[in-house]
C-alpha atoms as a PDB file:
ATOM      1  CA  MET A   1      -9.043  16.497 -28.587  1.00  0.00           C
ATOM      2  CA  LEU A   2      -8.123  16.851 -24.904  1.00  0.00           C
ATOM      3  CA  PHE A   3      -8.238  13.948 -22.477  1.00  0.00           C
ATOM      4  CA  SER A   4      -7.844  13.928 -18.725  1.00  0.00           C
ATOM      5  CA  VAL A   5      -5.317  11.660 -17.055  1.00  0.00           C
ATOM      6  CA  ASN A   6      -8.105   9.344 -15.893  1.00  0.00           C
ATOM      7  CA  GLU A   7      -9.397   9.015 -19.473  1.00  0.00           C
ATOM      8  CA  LYS A   8      -5.965   8.241 -20.898  1.00  0.00           C
ATOM      9  CA  ILE A   9      -4.933   5.665 -18.301  1.00  0.00           C
ATOM     10  CA  PRO A  10      -7.287   2.941 -16.999  1.00  0.00           C
ATOM     11  CA  LYS A  11      -7.852   2.922 -13.265  1.00  0.00           C
ATOM     12  CA  ARG A  12      -6.167  -0.444 -12.781  1.00  0.00           C
ATOM     13  CA  LYS A  13      -3.096   0.710 -14.667  1.00  0.00           C
ATOM     14  CA  GLN A  14      -2.999   3.852 -12.537  1.00  0.00           C
ATOM     15  CA  ARG A  15      -2.903   1.695  -9.412  1.00  0.00           C
ATOM     16  CA  VAL A  16      -0.047  -0.384 -10.842  1.00  0.00           C
ATOM     17  CA  LEU A  17       1.953   2.705 -11.770  1.00  0.00           C
ATOM     18  CA  GLN A  18       1.318   4.173  -8.330  1.00  0.00           C
ATOM     19  CA  SER A  19       2.578   0.974  -6.683  1.00  0.00           C
ATOM     20  CA  LEU A  20       5.722   1.050  -8.812  1.00  0.00           C
ATOM     21  CA  ALA A  21       6.325   4.666  -7.835  1.00  0.00           C
ATOM     22  CA  ASP A  22       5.810   3.767  -4.157  1.00  0.00           C
ATOM     23  CA  PHE A  23       8.243   0.876  -4.464  1.00  0.00           C
ATOM     24  CA  ALA A  24      10.860   3.142  -6.071  1.00  0.00           C
ATOM     25  CA  THR A  25      10.416   5.629  -3.217  1.00  0.00           C
ATOM     26  CA  VAL A  26      10.968   2.896  -0.631  1.00  0.00           C
ATOM     27  CA  ILE A  27      14.138   1.760  -2.436  1.00  0.00           C
ATOM     28  CA  LEU A  28      15.447   5.339  -2.607  1.00  0.00           C
ATOM     29  CA  ILE A  29      14.910   5.976   1.110  1.00  0.00           C
ATOM     30  CA  SER A  30      16.466   2.583   1.874  1.00  0.00           C
ATOM     31  CA  CYS A  31      19.605   3.553  -0.049  1.00  0.00           C
ATOM     32  CA  VAL A  32      19.881   6.802   1.911  1.00  0.00           C
ATOM     33  CA  PHE A  33      19.437   4.912   5.193  1.00  0.00           C
ATOM     34  CA  LEU A  34      22.082   2.305   4.311  1.00  0.00           C
ATOM     35  CA  THR A  35      24.524   5.025   3.271  1.00  0.00           C
ATOM     36  CA  ILE A  36      24.187   6.768   6.626  1.00  0.00           C
ATOM     37  CA  PHE A  37      24.238   3.490   8.568  1.00  0.00           C
ATOM     38  CA  LEU A  38      27.386   2.132   6.887  1.00  0.00           C
ATOM     39  CA  ILE A  39      29.442   5.271   6.251  1.00  0.00           C
ATOM     40  CA  VAL A  40      28.596   8.022   8.723  1.00  0.00           C
ATOM     41  CA  LYS A  41      30.329   7.916  12.113  1.00  0.00           C
ATOM     42  CA  PRO A  42      28.561   9.038  15.296  1.00  0.00           C
ATOM     43  CA  PHE A  43      29.388  12.387  16.861  1.00  0.00           C
ATOM     44  CA  PRO A  44      32.401  11.881  19.233  1.00  0.00           C
ATOM     45  CA  ARG A  45      30.632  12.916  22.428  1.00  0.00           C
ATOM     46  CA  GLY A  46      32.809  12.764  25.532  1.00  0.00           C
ATOM     47  CA  PHE A  47      31.821  12.281  29.156  1.00  0.00           C
ATOM     48  CA  TYR A  48      32.454  13.295  32.741  1.00  0.00           C
ATOM     49  CA  CYS A  49      33.951  10.782  35.157  1.00  0.00           C
ATOM     50  CA  THR A  50      31.250  11.729  37.661  1.00  0.00           C
ATOM     51  CA  ASP A  51      28.390  10.907  35.290  1.00  0.00           C
ATOM     52  CA  GLU A  52      26.411   8.178  37.055  1.00  0.00           C
ATOM     53  CA  SER A  53      24.016   7.688  34.121  1.00  0.00           C
ATOM     54  CA  ILE A  54      26.642   5.814  32.044  1.00  0.00           C
ATOM     55  CA  ARG A  55      27.952   3.511  34.792  1.00  0.00           C
ATOM     56  CA  PHE A  56      25.409   0.689  34.471  1.00  0.00           C
ATOM     57  CA  PRO A  57      26.532  -2.873  33.650  1.00  0.00           C
ATOM     58  CA  TYR A  58      26.302  -4.299  30.151  1.00  0.00           C
ATOM     59  CA  LYS A  59      23.663  -7.019  29.711  1.00  0.00           C
ATOM     60  CA  GLY A  60      21.834  -8.790  26.898  1.00  0.00           C
ATOM     61  CA  ASP A  61      18.628  -7.701  25.195  1.00  0.00           C
ATOM     62  CA  THR A  62      15.268  -8.852  26.519  1.00  0.00           C
ATOM     63  CA  VAL A  63      13.902  -8.172  23.034  1.00  0.00           C
ATOM     64  CA  PRO A  64      16.730  -8.601  20.487  1.00  0.00           C
ATOM     65  CA  LEU A  65      16.831  -6.360  17.451  1.00  0.00           C
ATOM     66  CA  TRP A  66      16.023  -9.245  15.107  1.00  0.00           C
ATOM     67  CA  ALA A  67      12.978 -10.179  17.213  1.00  0.00           C
ATOM     68  CA  ALA A  68      11.634  -6.599  17.225  1.00  0.00           C
ATOM     69  CA  GLY A  69      12.072  -6.375  13.479  1.00  0.00           C
ATOM     70  CA  LEU A  70      10.603  -9.805  12.881  1.00  0.00           C
ATOM     71  CA  TYR A  71       7.407  -9.386  14.893  1.00  0.00           C
ATOM     72  CA  GLY A  72       6.968  -5.841  13.588  1.00  0.00           C
ATOM     73  CA  VAL A  73       7.268  -6.713   9.907  1.00  0.00           C
ATOM     74  CA  ILE A  74       5.466 -10.065  10.025  1.00  0.00           C
ATOM     75  CA  SER A  75       2.526  -8.926  12.158  1.00  0.00           C
ATOM     76  CA  ALA A  76       1.909  -5.731  10.166  1.00  0.00           C
ATOM     77  CA  THR A  77       2.200  -7.492   6.793  1.00  0.00           C
ATOM     78  CA  LEU A  78       0.114 -10.449   7.937  1.00  0.00           C
ATOM     79  CA  PHE A  79      -2.793  -8.323   9.153  1.00  0.00           C
ATOM     80  CA  VAL A  80      -2.701  -6.193   5.998  1.00  0.00           C
ATOM     81  CA  LEU A  81      -3.195  -9.383   3.978  1.00  0.00           C
ATOM     82  CA  ILE A  82      -5.855 -10.732   6.358  1.00  0.00           C
ATOM     83  CA  SER A  83      -7.768  -7.442   6.253  1.00  0.00           C
ATOM     84  CA  GLU A  84      -7.754  -7.258   2.465  1.00  0.00           C
ATOM     85  CA  LEU A  85      -8.679 -10.928   2.152  1.00  0.00           C
ATOM     86  CA  TYR A  86     -11.620 -10.360   4.498  1.00  0.00           C
ATOM     87  CA  LEU A  87     -12.791  -7.372   2.438  1.00  0.00           C
ATOM     88  CA  ALA A  88     -12.521  -9.338  -0.823  1.00  0.00           C
ATOM     89  CA  ARG A  89     -14.754 -12.173   0.366  1.00  0.00           C
ATOM     90  CA  PRO A  90     -17.885 -12.863  -1.750  1.00  0.00           C
ATOM     91  CA  CYS A  91     -20.408 -11.635   0.825  1.00  0.00           C
ATOM     92  CA  CYS A  92     -18.981  -8.093   0.659  1.00  0.00           C
ATOM     93  CA  SER A  93     -19.387  -7.764  -3.089  1.00  0.00           C
ATOM     94  CA  ASN A  94     -22.044 -10.109  -4.461  1.00  0.00           C
ATOM     95  CA  GLU A  95     -22.226  -8.318  -7.782  1.00  0.00           C
ATOM     96  CA  GLU A  96     -18.490  -8.508  -8.467  1.00  0.00           C
ATOM     97  CA  SER A  97     -16.811 -11.371 -10.290  1.00  0.00           C
ATOM     98  CA  PHE A  98     -14.045 -13.453  -8.735  1.00  0.00           C
ATOM     99  CA  ASP A  99     -11.428 -11.887 -11.026  1.00  0.00           C
ATOM    100  CA  ARG A 100     -12.442  -8.383  -9.979  1.00  0.00           C
ATOM    101  CA  ARG A 101     -12.289  -9.252  -6.293  1.00  0.00           C
ATOM    102  CA  GLN A 102      -8.955 -11.001  -6.800  1.00  0.00           C
ATOM    103  CA  ASN A 103      -7.477  -7.977  -8.565  1.00  0.00           C
ATOM    104  CA  ARG A 104      -8.725  -5.654  -5.840  1.00  0.00           C
ATOM    105  CA  PHE A 105      -7.227  -7.908  -3.158  1.00  0.00           C
ATOM    106  CA  ILE A 106      -3.833  -7.951  -4.881  1.00  0.00           C
ATOM    107  CA  LEU A 107      -3.695  -4.205  -5.546  1.00  0.00           C
ATOM    108  CA  ASN A 108      -4.941  -3.225  -2.076  1.00  0.00           C
ATOM    109  CA  SER A 109      -2.542  -5.656  -0.414  1.00  0.00           C
ATOM    110  CA  ILE A 110       0.393  -4.277  -2.374  1.00  0.00           C
ATOM    111  CA  HIS A 111      -0.699  -0.753  -1.466  1.00  0.00           C
ATOM    112  CA  GLY A 112      -0.949  -1.639   2.233  1.00  0.00           C
ATOM    113  CA  VAL A 113       2.405  -3.436   2.372  1.00  0.00           C
ATOM    114  CA  LEU A 114       4.193  -0.645   0.504  1.00  0.00           C
ATOM    115  CA  LEU A 115       2.545   1.916   2.769  1.00  0.00           C
ATOM    116  CA  TYR A 116       3.904   0.052   5.780  1.00  0.00           C
ATOM    117  CA  ALA A 117       7.350  -0.295   4.176  1.00  0.00           C
ATOM    118  CA  LEU A 118       7.472   3.433   3.406  1.00  0.00           C
ATOM    119  CA  GLY A 119       6.772   4.314   7.023  1.00  0.00           C
ATOM    120  CA  ALA A 120       9.129   1.633   8.371  1.00  0.00           C
ATOM    121  CA  ILE A 121      12.150   2.749   6.361  1.00  0.00           C
ATOM    122  CA  SER A 122      11.330   6.406   7.073  1.00  0.00           C
ATOM    123  CA  THR A 123      11.269   5.609  10.794  1.00  0.00           C
ATOM    124  CA  LEU A 124      14.647   3.876  10.550  1.00  0.00           C
ATOM    125  CA  LEU A 125      16.103   6.806   8.607  1.00  0.00           C
ATOM    126  CA  ILE A 126      14.892   9.434  11.077  1.00  0.00           C
ATOM    127  CA  THR A 127      16.150   7.338  13.988  1.00  0.00           C
ATOM    128  CA  GLU A 128      19.559   6.742  12.420  1.00  0.00           C
ATOM    129  CA  VAL A 129      20.059  10.427  11.648  1.00  0.00           C
ATOM    130  CA  GLY A 130      19.349  11.203  15.298  1.00  0.00           C
ATOM    131  CA  LYS A 131      21.758   8.525  16.538  1.00  0.00           C
ATOM    132  CA  GLN A 132      24.639   9.660  14.364  1.00  0.00           C
ATOM    133  CA  THR A 133      24.060  13.363  14.954  1.00  0.00           C
ATOM    134  CA  ILE A 134      23.688  13.272  18.744  1.00  0.00           C
ATOM    135  CA  GLY A 135      26.079  10.447  19.598  1.00  0.00           C
ATOM    136  CA  ARG A 136      24.630  10.061  23.087  1.00  0.00           C
ATOM    137  CA  LEU A 137      26.335   7.496  25.304  1.00  0.00           C
ATOM    138  CA  ARG A 138      24.335   4.501  26.470  1.00  0.00           C
ATOM    139  CA  PRO A 139      23.857   3.768  30.178  1.00  0.00           C
ATOM    140  CA  HIS A 140      26.407   0.902  29.939  1.00  0.00           C
ATOM    141  CA  PHE A 141      29.022   2.952  28.075  1.00  0.00           C
ATOM    142  CA  LEU A 142      31.795   2.825  30.679  1.00  0.00           C
ATOM    143  CA  ASP A 143      31.364  -0.933  31.088  1.00  0.00           C
ATOM    144  CA  VAL A 144      32.071  -1.599  27.386  1.00  0.00           C
ATOM    145  CA  CYS A 145      34.529   1.268  27.008  1.00  0.00           C
ATOM    146  CA  GLN A 146      36.890  -0.072  29.703  1.00  0.00           C
ATOM    147  CA  PRO A 147      38.594   3.341  30.051  1.00  0.00           C
ATOM    148  CA  ASN A 148      42.332   3.582  30.371  1.00  0.00           C
ATOM    149  CA  TRP A 149      42.233   5.773  33.454  1.00  0.00           C
ATOM    150  CA  SER A 150      45.970   6.507  33.242  1.00  0.00           C
ATOM    151  CA  ASN A 151      45.270   8.541  30.071  1.00  0.00           C
ATOM    152  CA  ILE A 152      42.334  10.405  31.590  1.00  0.00           C
ATOM    153  CA  THR A 153      42.411  13.471  33.827  1.00  0.00           C
ATOM    154  CA  CYS A 154      39.057  13.405  35.556  1.00  0.00           C
ATOM    155  CA  PHE A 155      39.500  16.471  37.785  1.00  0.00           C
ATOM    156  CA  THR A 156      41.290  19.771  37.873  1.00  0.00           C
ATOM    157  CA  ASN A 157      42.100  21.377  41.195  1.00  0.00           C
ATOM    158  CA  ILE A 158      41.042  25.015  41.128  1.00  0.00           C
ATOM    159  CA  GLN A 159      41.782  26.913  44.324  1.00  0.00           C
ATOM    160  CA  GLY A 160      41.548  23.764  46.405  1.00  0.00           C
ATOM    161  CA  VAL A 161      38.360  22.523  44.739  1.00  0.00           C
ATOM    162  CA  ASN A 162      38.273  19.493  42.427  1.00  0.00           C
ATOM    163  CA  VAL A 163      36.326  20.401  39.293  1.00  0.00           C
ATOM    164  CA  ALA A 164      35.223  17.607  36.942  1.00  0.00           C
ATOM    165  CA  ASN A 165      36.802  17.758  33.490  1.00  0.00           C
ATOM    166  CA  TYR A 166      35.084  16.997  30.238  1.00  0.00           C
ATOM    167  CA  VAL A 167      36.829  13.922  28.795  1.00  0.00           C
ATOM    168  CA  PRO A 168      36.925  13.979  24.968  1.00  0.00           C
ATOM    169  CA  LEU A 169      36.328  10.603  23.355  1.00  0.00           C
ATOM    170  CA  THR A 170      39.643   9.896  21.655  1.00  0.00           C
ATOM    171  CA  GLU A 171      41.280   6.650  20.559  1.00  0.00           C
ATOM    172  CA  VAL A 172      43.386   6.415  23.731  1.00  0.00           C
ATOM    173  CA  VAL A 173      40.414   6.613  26.115  1.00  0.00           C
ATOM    174  CA  CYS A 174      38.712   3.222  25.586  1.00  0.00           C
ATOM    175  CA  THR A 175      40.329  -0.216  25.562  1.00  0.00           C
ATOM    176  CA  GLY A 176      37.215  -2.368  25.022  1.00  0.00           C
ATOM    177  CA  ASP A 177      35.685  -3.996  21.942  1.00  0.00           C
ATOM    178  CA  PRO A 178      35.529  -1.309  19.190  1.00  0.00           C
ATOM    179  CA  ALA A 179      32.207  -2.655  17.831  1.00  0.00           C
ATOM    180  CA  LYS A 180      30.543  -2.507  21.244  1.00  0.00           C
ATOM    181  CA  ILE A 181      32.042   0.930  21.891  1.00  0.00           C
ATOM    182  CA  LYS A 182      30.597   2.286  18.653  1.00  0.00           C
ATOM    183  CA  GLU A 183      27.197   0.799  19.446  1.00  0.00           C
ATOM    184  CA  ALA A 184      27.370   2.300  22.940  1.00  0.00           C
ATOM    185  CA  ARG A 185      27.591   5.774  21.357  1.00  0.00           C
ATOM    186  CA  LEU A 186      24.204   5.458  19.623  1.00  0.00           C
ATOM    187  CA  SER A 187      21.731   5.819  22.466  1.00  0.00           C
ATOM    188  CA  PHE A 188      19.448   8.615  21.240  1.00  0.00           C
ATOM    189  CA  PRO A 189      16.811   7.920  20.048  1.00  0.00           C
ATOM    190  CA  SER A 190      15.911   4.284  20.685  1.00  0.00           C
ATOM    191  CA  GLY A 191      15.648   2.293  17.474  1.00  0.00           C
ATOM    192  CA  HIS A 192      13.773  -0.561  19.143  1.00  0.00           C
ATOM    193  CA  SER A 193      11.200   1.905  20.483  1.00  0.00           C
ATOM    194  CA  SER A 194      10.713   3.830  17.255  1.00  0.00           C
ATOM    195  CA  PHE A 195      10.376   0.754  15.021  1.00  0.00           C
ATOM    196  CA  SER A 196       8.175  -1.317  17.339  1.00  0.00           C
ATOM    197  CA  THR A 197       5.932   1.663  18.086  1.00  0.00           C
ATOM    198  CA  TYR A 198       5.604   2.489  14.392  1.00  0.00           C
ATOM    199  CA  SER A 199       4.823  -1.109  13.418  1.00  0.00           C
ATOM    200  CA  MET A 200       2.216  -1.661  16.110  1.00  0.00           C
ATOM    201  CA  ILE A 201       0.517   1.745  15.754  1.00  0.00           C
ATOM    202  CA  PHE A 202       0.376   1.182  11.982  1.00  0.00           C
ATOM    203  CA  LEU A 203      -1.236  -2.214  12.603  1.00  0.00           C
ATOM    204  CA  ILE A 204      -3.752  -0.724  15.048  1.00  0.00           C
ATOM    205  CA  ILE A 205      -4.761   2.098  12.705  1.00  0.00           C
ATOM    206  CA  TYR A 206      -4.859  -0.110   9.610  1.00  0.00           C
ATOM    207  CA  LEU A 207      -7.246  -2.535  11.285  1.00  0.00           C
ATOM    208  CA  GLU A 208      -9.377   0.380  12.450  1.00  0.00           C
ATOM    209  CA  ALA A 209      -9.492   1.854   8.959  1.00  0.00           C
ATOM    210  CA  ARG A 210     -10.125  -1.309   6.979  1.00  0.00           C
ATOM    211  CA  LEU A 211     -12.261  -3.518   9.190  1.00  0.00           C
ATOM    212  CA  VAL A 212     -15.741  -2.575  10.384  1.00  0.00           C
ATOM    213  CA  LEU A 213     -16.882  -5.536  12.449  1.00  0.00           C
ATOM    214  CA  GLN A 214     -20.317  -5.446  14.015  1.00  0.00           C
ATOM    215  CA  ARG A 215     -20.800  -8.881  15.550  1.00  0.00           C
ATOM    216  CA  THR A 216     -17.141  -9.645  16.373  1.00  0.00           C
ATOM    217  CA  ARG A 217     -15.852  -6.139  17.052  1.00  0.00           C
ATOM    218  CA  PHE A 218     -14.060  -7.231  20.242  1.00  0.00           C
ATOM    219  CA  ILE A 219     -11.736  -9.470  18.234  1.00  0.00           C
ATOM    220  CA  LYS A 220     -10.276  -6.418  16.522  1.00  0.00           C
ATOM    221  CA  SER A 221      -9.927  -4.637  19.867  1.00  0.00           C
ATOM    222  CA  ILE A 222      -8.083  -7.603  21.386  1.00  0.00           C
ATOM    223  CA  ILE A 223      -5.639  -7.713  18.463  1.00  0.00           C
ATOM    224  CA  GLN A 224      -5.052  -3.977  18.782  1.00  0.00           C
ATOM    225  CA  LEU A 225      -4.462  -4.305  22.527  1.00  0.00           C
ATOM    226  CA  ILE A 226      -1.927  -7.096  22.015  1.00  0.00           C
ATOM    227  CA  ALA A 227      -0.111  -4.985  19.425  1.00  0.00           C
ATOM    228  CA  PHE A 228       0.059  -2.048  21.816  1.00  0.00           C
ATOM    229  CA  LEU A 229       1.343  -4.264  24.646  1.00  0.00           C
ATOM    230  CA  ALA A 230       4.066  -5.683  22.393  1.00  0.00           C
ATOM    231  CA  ALA A 231       5.345  -2.199  21.575  1.00  0.00           C
ATOM    232  CA  TRP A 232       5.017  -1.097  25.219  1.00  0.00           C
ATOM    233  CA  HIS A 233       6.997  -4.105  26.480  1.00  0.00           C
ATOM    234  CA  THR A 234       9.731  -3.508  23.910  1.00  0.00           C
ATOM    235  CA  CYS A 235      10.049   0.139  24.923  1.00  0.00           C
ATOM    236  CA  MET A 236      10.188  -0.626  28.651  1.00  0.00           C
ATOM    237  CA  SER A 237      12.753  -3.398  28.183  1.00  0.00           C
ATOM    238  CA  ARG A 238      15.223  -0.929  26.692  1.00  0.00           C
ATOM    239  CA  VAL A 239      15.374   0.931  29.994  1.00  0.00           C
ATOM    240  CA  SER A 240      15.501  -2.168  32.212  1.00  0.00           C
ATOM    241  CA  ASP A 241      18.270  -3.650  30.012  1.00  0.00           C
ATOM    242  CA  PHE A 242      20.367  -0.470  30.496  1.00  0.00           C
ATOM    243  CA  LYS A 243      20.436   0.018  26.724  1.00  0.00           C
ATOM    244  CA  HIS A 244      18.786   3.441  26.760  1.00  0.00           C
ATOM    245  CA  HIS A 245      17.946   6.369  28.964  1.00  0.00           C
ATOM    246  CA  TYR A 246      14.218   6.871  29.419  1.00  0.00           C
ATOM    247  CA  THR A 247      14.325  10.017  27.276  1.00  0.00           C
ATOM    248  CA  ASP A 248      15.748   7.945  24.407  1.00  0.00           C
ATOM    249  CA  VAL A 249      12.788   5.581  24.642  1.00  0.00           C
ATOM    250  CA  ILE A 250      10.242   8.408  24.807  1.00  0.00           C
ATOM    251  CA  SER A 251      11.792  10.106  21.773  1.00  0.00           C
ATOM    252  CA  GLY A 252      11.857   6.853  19.800  1.00  0.00           C
ATOM    253  CA  ALA A 253       8.219   6.146  20.616  1.00  0.00           C
ATOM    254  CA  VAL A 254       7.228   9.683  19.562  1.00  0.00           C
ATOM    255  CA  ILE A 255       9.039   9.219  16.229  1.00  0.00           C
ATOM    256  CA  GLY A 256       7.342   5.872  15.561  1.00  0.00           C
ATOM    257  CA  PHE A 257       3.923   7.162  16.585  1.00  0.00           C
ATOM    258  CA  SER A 258       4.248  10.328  14.471  1.00  0.00           C
ATOM    259  CA  VAL A 259       5.338   8.449  11.351  1.00  0.00           C
ATOM    260  CA  ALA A 260       2.508   5.936  11.770  1.00  0.00           C
ATOM    261  CA  ILE A 261      -0.064   8.742  11.993  1.00  0.00           C
ATOM    262  CA  PHE A 262       1.447  10.568   9.013  1.00  0.00           C
ATOM    263  CA  VAL A 263       1.538   7.429   6.856  1.00  0.00           C
ATOM    264  CA  THR A 264      -1.956   6.151   7.652  1.00  0.00           C
ATOM    265  CA  VAL A 265      -3.851   9.456   7.868  1.00  0.00           C
ATOM    266  CA  ILE A 266      -2.132  11.772   5.386  1.00  0.00           C
ATOM    267  CA  ILE A 267      -0.324   9.607   2.819  1.00  0.00           C
ATOM    268  CA  GLY A 268      -2.623   6.583   3.009  1.00  0.00           C
ATOM    269  CA  LYS A 269      -6.012   8.290   2.945  1.00  0.00           C
ATOM    270  CA  LYS A 270      -7.302   5.578   0.627  1.00  0.00           C
ATOM    271  CA  ILE A 271      -7.307   2.942   3.361  1.00  0.00           C
ATOM    272  CA  TRP A 272     -10.164   4.804   5.105  1.00  0.00           C
ATOM    273  CA  TYR A 273     -12.549   4.774   2.117  1.00  0.00           C
ATOM    274  CA  HIS A 274     -14.049   1.365   2.844  1.00  0.00           C
ATOM    275  CA  SER A 275     -14.440   2.141   6.545  1.00  0.00           C
ATOM    276  CA  LYS A 276     -16.323   5.372   5.840  1.00  0.00           C
ATOM    277  CA  SER A 277     -18.618   3.753   3.288  1.00  0.00           C
ATOM    278  CA  MET A 278     -19.381   0.829   5.597  1.00  0.00           C
ATOM    279  CA  LYS A 279     -20.117   3.126   8.530  1.00  0.00           C
ATOM    280  CA  ASN A 280     -22.490   5.156   6.351  1.00  0.00           C
ATOM    281  CA  LYS A 281     -24.286   1.958   5.317  1.00  0.00           C
ATOM    282  CA  ILE A 282     -24.539   0.873   8.944  1.00  0.00           C
ATOM    283  CA  LYS A 283     -25.998   4.246   9.896  1.00  0.00           C
ATOM    284  CA  GLN A 284     -28.554   3.953   7.081  1.00  0.00           C
ATOM    285  CA  VAL A 285     -29.531   0.462   8.213  1.00  0.00           C
ATOM    286  CA  GLU A 286     -29.783   1.587  11.845  1.00  0.00           C
ATOM    287  CA  SER A 287     -31.938   4.564  10.860  1.00  0.00           C
ATOM    288  CA  LEU A 288     -34.257   2.299   8.843  1.00  0.00           C
ATOM    289  CA  GLU A 289     -34.451  -0.126  11.761  1.00  0.00           C
ATOM    290  CA  GLN A 290     -35.277   2.777  14.055  1.00  0.00           C
ATOM    291  CA  ILE A 291     -38.082   3.874  11.725  1.00  0.00           C
ATOM    292  CA  ASP A 292     -39.448   0.324  11.663  1.00  0.00           C
ATOM    293  CA  ASP A 293     -39.295   0.153  15.449  1.00  0.00           C
ATOM    294  CA  ASP A 294     -41.141   3.473  15.728  1.00  0.00           C
ATOM    295  CA  ASP A 295     -43.815   2.269  13.299  1.00  0.00           C
ATOM    296  CA  ASP A 296     -44.222  -0.966  15.239  1.00  0.00           C
ATOM    297  CA  GLN A 297     -44.487   0.947  18.496  1.00  0.00           C
ATOM    298  CA  LYS A 298     -47.153   3.241  17.038  1.00  0.00           C
ATOM    299  CA  ALA A 299     -49.092   0.256  15.749  1.00  0.00           C
ATOM    300  CA  GLU A 300     -49.014  -1.371  19.160  1.00  0.00           C
ATOM    301  CA  THR A 301     -50.207   1.761  20.949  1.00  0.00           C
ATOM    302  CA  PHE A 302     -52.938   2.601  18.435  1.00  0.00           C
ATOM    303  CA  GLU A 303     -56.420   1.956  19.864  1.00  0.00           C
ATOM    304  CA  LEU A 304     -59.697   1.971  18.056  1.00  0.00           C
ATOM    305  CA  PRO A 305     -62.374   4.396  19.367  1.00  0.00           C
END
């Protein structure tokens, strides 16, 4: 006798197995990211002595890396849990038992958090591959490099004209802190921009997909606006801190935005199911209310002969 997959495996067990598979995928991508981050060296891109774009002073971060990661992870995870807790409240499912609502809350929360984690680590991986492959110099590169100008030939005189030479980045060029020098060779794309944009766009879309609020709809809009402003401020600070060129920030934001769309619209289609069903119910209620209003209006305008 033949059985389909759904008949062989209960729905709840399918969800658990899916979550385990998602978790394994996140771990696998994390291992690839850590391998590239710890082992691969950035492309040894040189410079021209006349390049004004890498002559800015070194300064601290307005939004440190730990802060960007912290507010991104905590805010996205927190609002996933809040959204699922709101959907599991008794008034949304009067016919369901507490155990059923509890199980749905746990499984949906795990699904949402793993969905976020999958996109977050994918964003970091894509960003890190770009950094190591391009090896673009940050705007403050020369300040941390502290070039040994006696070992550098900046110009070549050709028929009475000084032509700028390309200076290869060798071990005898820089005299500064090796850790800062390595970090100054990882400008493109911006990791702050890609991660903060991904986290906040994910949060915005997840709230839009999961929560259909009629009476307090502006609360969701305010939260989404704050999330967007947080990502926007982080992106802009990378330029004002001389950590990135503006094209690095734009590219990082595009990466984060693209991954967020891909994760929430293509991979995470399930998060939209509740939103669609609720909107259909609202439309049905509004249509019934409209019919009642029309009937009342006809009754008011009806006159006896």
